[in-house]
Structure formats: C-alpha cells, structure tokens
Amino acid sequence: RPRTLLDLANDARKEVNWDPTLKITYWIKQADEFRRQATAHQRAGNVERAFVEFAKSTTILEKIKGHREYLNAVDEDQRRNLNAV
C-alpha cells in the first residue's frame, strides 16, 4: 500500500539537516535543488519521492524565515513570496 502523507512528510523533515549556522544562500540553493529534484521525480511518475522533495524544499523555506541573515539577505518581495509558503 502507498505510504501516508504523514509518513512522507516525516521523511522529509528527517532528511533536512537544518543548521542555522550555515549561510542563508546555502539554504536557498538547497531549497531550489530539492524543488528541481521534485519536478524530475514528478515527471518520471515517482509521486511519493516528488512529494518528499517538495516537502524538503518547503521545510527549508519555512525555517529560513528564522535565519539570522533573513532580514538583510532577503528583500521585501522575496519575503512576501516566502510568507506565501
């Protein structure tokens, strides 16, 4: 049987090793890379893996809002887009 969304979301949280000491640019690139991987999995028909990769990207985007560099590195339009996540 397919895994539940809760199981997949938990996998995503476990796979993101959030370290707030790393630069915010690292995390933005990571979120983008996970999004690209998700799109590739989605195109290949691997819906479960696509969900996990999208969830990893979203997890980072949610955590990034609390990053110490957030206010200086992210402009107002980017913050507005992140708040939509």
C-alpha atoms as a PDB file:
ATOM      1  CA  ARG A   1       0.000   0.000   0.000  1.00  0.00           C
ATOM      2  CA  PRO A   2       1.190   3.552  -0.567  1.00  0.00           C
ATOM      3  CA  ARG A   3       2.725   5.384   2.364  1.00  0.00           C
ATOM      4  CA  THR A   4       0.667   8.061   4.089  1.00  0.00           C
ATOM      5  CA  LEU A   5       1.301  11.760   3.572  1.00  0.00           C
ATOM      6  CA  LEU A   6       2.248  11.998   7.231  1.00  0.00           C
ATOM      7  CA  ASP A   7       4.936   9.322   6.766  1.00  0.00           C
ATOM      8  CA  LEU A   8       6.282  11.089   3.694  1.00  0.00           C
ATOM      9  CA  ALA A   9       6.305  14.478   5.445  1.00  0.00           C
ATOM     10  CA  ASN A  10       8.158  12.964   8.396  1.00  0.00           C
ATOM     11  CA  ASP A  11      10.741  11.540   5.998  1.00  0.00           C
ATOM     12  CA  ALA A  12      11.227  14.995   4.504  1.00  0.00           C
ATOM     13  CA  ARG A  13      11.772  16.587   7.920  1.00  0.00           C
ATOM     14  CA  LYS A  14      14.332  13.913   8.817  1.00  0.00           C
ATOM     15  CA  GLU A  15      16.208  14.373   5.535  1.00  0.00           C
ATOM     16  CA  VAL A  16      16.660  18.123   6.027  1.00  0.00           C
ATOM     17  CA  ASN A  17      19.573  18.595   8.396  1.00  0.00           C
ATOM     18  CA  TRP A  18      18.873  22.204   9.291  1.00  0.00           C
ATOM     19  CA  ASP A  19      21.927  24.042  10.551  1.00  0.00           C
ATOM     20  CA  PRO A  20      21.231  27.735  11.228  1.00  0.00           C
ATOM     21  CA  THR A  21      24.964  28.494  11.273  1.00  0.00           C
ATOM     22  CA  LEU A  22      25.196  27.891   7.517  1.00  0.00           C
ATOM     23  CA  LYS A  23      24.723  30.912   5.257  1.00  0.00           C
ATOM     24  CA  ILE A  24      21.227  31.678   4.059  1.00  0.00           C
ATOM     25  CA  THR A  25      22.407  31.430   0.444  1.00  0.00           C
ATOM     26  CA  TYR A  26      23.286  27.776   1.066  1.00  0.00           C
ATOM     27  CA  TRP A  27      19.747  27.088   2.247  1.00  0.00           C
ATOM     28  CA  ILE A  28      18.149  28.957  -0.651  1.00  0.00           C
ATOM     29  CA  LYS A  29      20.213  26.872  -3.092  1.00  0.00           C
ATOM     30  CA  GLN A  30      19.275  23.676  -1.218  1.00  0.00           C
ATOM     31  CA  ALA A  31      15.569  24.522  -1.382  1.00  0.00           C
ATOM     32  CA  ASP A  32      15.866  25.184  -5.110  1.00  0.00           C
ATOM     33  CA  GLU A  33      17.743  21.926  -5.690  1.00  0.00           C
ATOM     34  CA  PHE A  34      15.095  19.934  -3.797  1.00  0.00           C
ATOM     35  CA  ARG A  35      12.409  21.639  -5.906  1.00  0.00           C
ATOM     36  CA  ARG A  36      14.252  20.656  -9.109  1.00  0.00           C
ATOM     37  CA  GLN A  37      14.591  17.071  -7.912  1.00  0.00           C
ATOM     38  CA  ALA A  38      10.894  17.005  -7.055  1.00  0.00           C
ATOM     39  CA  THR A  39       9.983  18.182 -10.540  1.00  0.00           C
ATOM     40  CA  ALA A  40      12.176  15.480 -12.100  1.00  0.00           C
ATOM     41  CA  HIS A  41      10.594  12.784  -9.900  1.00  0.00           C
ATOM     42  CA  GLN A  42       7.145  14.087 -10.740  1.00  0.00           C
ATOM     43  CA  ARG A  43       7.862  13.907 -14.475  1.00  0.00           C
ATOM     44  CA  ALA A  44       9.167  10.360 -14.025  1.00  0.00           C
ATOM     45  CA  GLY A  45       5.937   9.368 -12.286  1.00  0.00           C
ATOM     46  CA  ASN A  46       7.513   8.867  -8.856  1.00  0.00           C
ATOM     47  CA  VAL A  47       4.845  10.768  -6.966  1.00  0.00           C
ATOM     48  CA  GLU A  48       5.941   9.722  -3.475  1.00  0.00           C
ATOM     49  CA  ARG A  49       9.547  10.849  -3.967  1.00  0.00           C
ATOM     50  CA  ALA A  50       8.356  14.068  -5.620  1.00  0.00           C
ATOM     51  CA  PHE A  51       6.225  14.802  -2.554  1.00  0.00           C
ATOM     52  CA  VAL A  52       9.191  14.237  -0.223  1.00  0.00           C
ATOM     53  CA  GLU A  53      11.458  16.510  -2.274  1.00  0.00           C
ATOM     54  CA  PHE A  54       8.804  19.254  -2.421  1.00  0.00           C
ATOM     55  CA  ALA A  55       8.287  18.885   1.326  1.00  0.00           C
ATOM     56  CA  LYS A  56      12.039  19.201   1.939  1.00  0.00           C
ATOM     57  CA  SER A  57      12.096  22.421  -0.059  1.00  0.00           C
ATOM     58  CA  THR A  58       9.088  23.753   1.842  1.00  0.00           C
ATOM     59  CA  THR A  59      10.645  22.794   5.192  1.00  0.00           C
ATOM     60  CA  ILE A  60      13.715  24.855   4.364  1.00  0.00           C
ATOM     61  CA  LEU A  61      11.642  27.812   3.179  1.00  0.00           C
ATOM     62  CA  GLU A  62       9.692  27.749   6.433  1.00  0.00           C
ATOM     63  CA  LYS A  63      12.845  27.555   8.568  1.00  0.00           C
ATOM     64  CA  ILE A  64      14.665  30.222   6.576  1.00  0.00           C
ATOM     65  CA  LYS A  65      12.315  32.868   7.962  1.00  0.00           C
ATOM     66  CA  GLY A  66      14.033  32.483  11.343  1.00  0.00           C
ATOM     67  CA  HIS A  67      17.578  32.570   9.956  1.00  0.00           C
ATOM     68  CA  ARG A  68      19.818  35.301  11.386  1.00  0.00           C
ATOM     69  CA  GLU A  69      20.597  36.637   7.872  1.00  0.00           C
ATOM     70  CA  TYR A  70      16.952  36.683   6.753  1.00  0.00           C
ATOM     71  CA  LEU A  71      16.213  40.398   7.106  1.00  0.00           C
ATOM     72  CA  ASN A  72      19.481  41.503   5.491  1.00  0.00           C
ATOM     73  CA  ALA A  73      19.719  38.937   2.690  1.00  0.00           C
ATOM     74  CA  VAL A  74      16.095  38.755   1.555  1.00  0.00           C
ATOM     75  CA  ASP A  75      14.347  41.787   0.065  1.00  0.00           C
ATOM     76  CA  GLU A  76      10.722  42.728   0.641  1.00  0.00           C
ATOM     77  CA  ASP A  77       9.386  40.971  -2.484  1.00  0.00           C
ATOM     78  CA  GLN A  78      11.255  37.790  -1.612  1.00  0.00           C
ATOM     79  CA  ARG A  79       9.909  37.900   1.958  1.00  0.00           C
ATOM     80  CA  ARG A  80       6.396  38.316   0.600  1.00  0.00           C
ATOM     81  CA  ASN A  81       6.889  35.232  -1.596  1.00  0.00           C
ATOM     82  CA  LEU A  82       8.308  33.246   1.316  1.00  0.00           C
ATOM     83  CA  ASN A  83       5.374  34.211   3.504  1.00  0.00           C
ATOM     84  CA  ALA A  84       3.106  32.625   0.910  1.00  0.00           C
ATOM     85  CA  VAL A  85       4.719  29.232   1.644  1.00  0.00           C
END
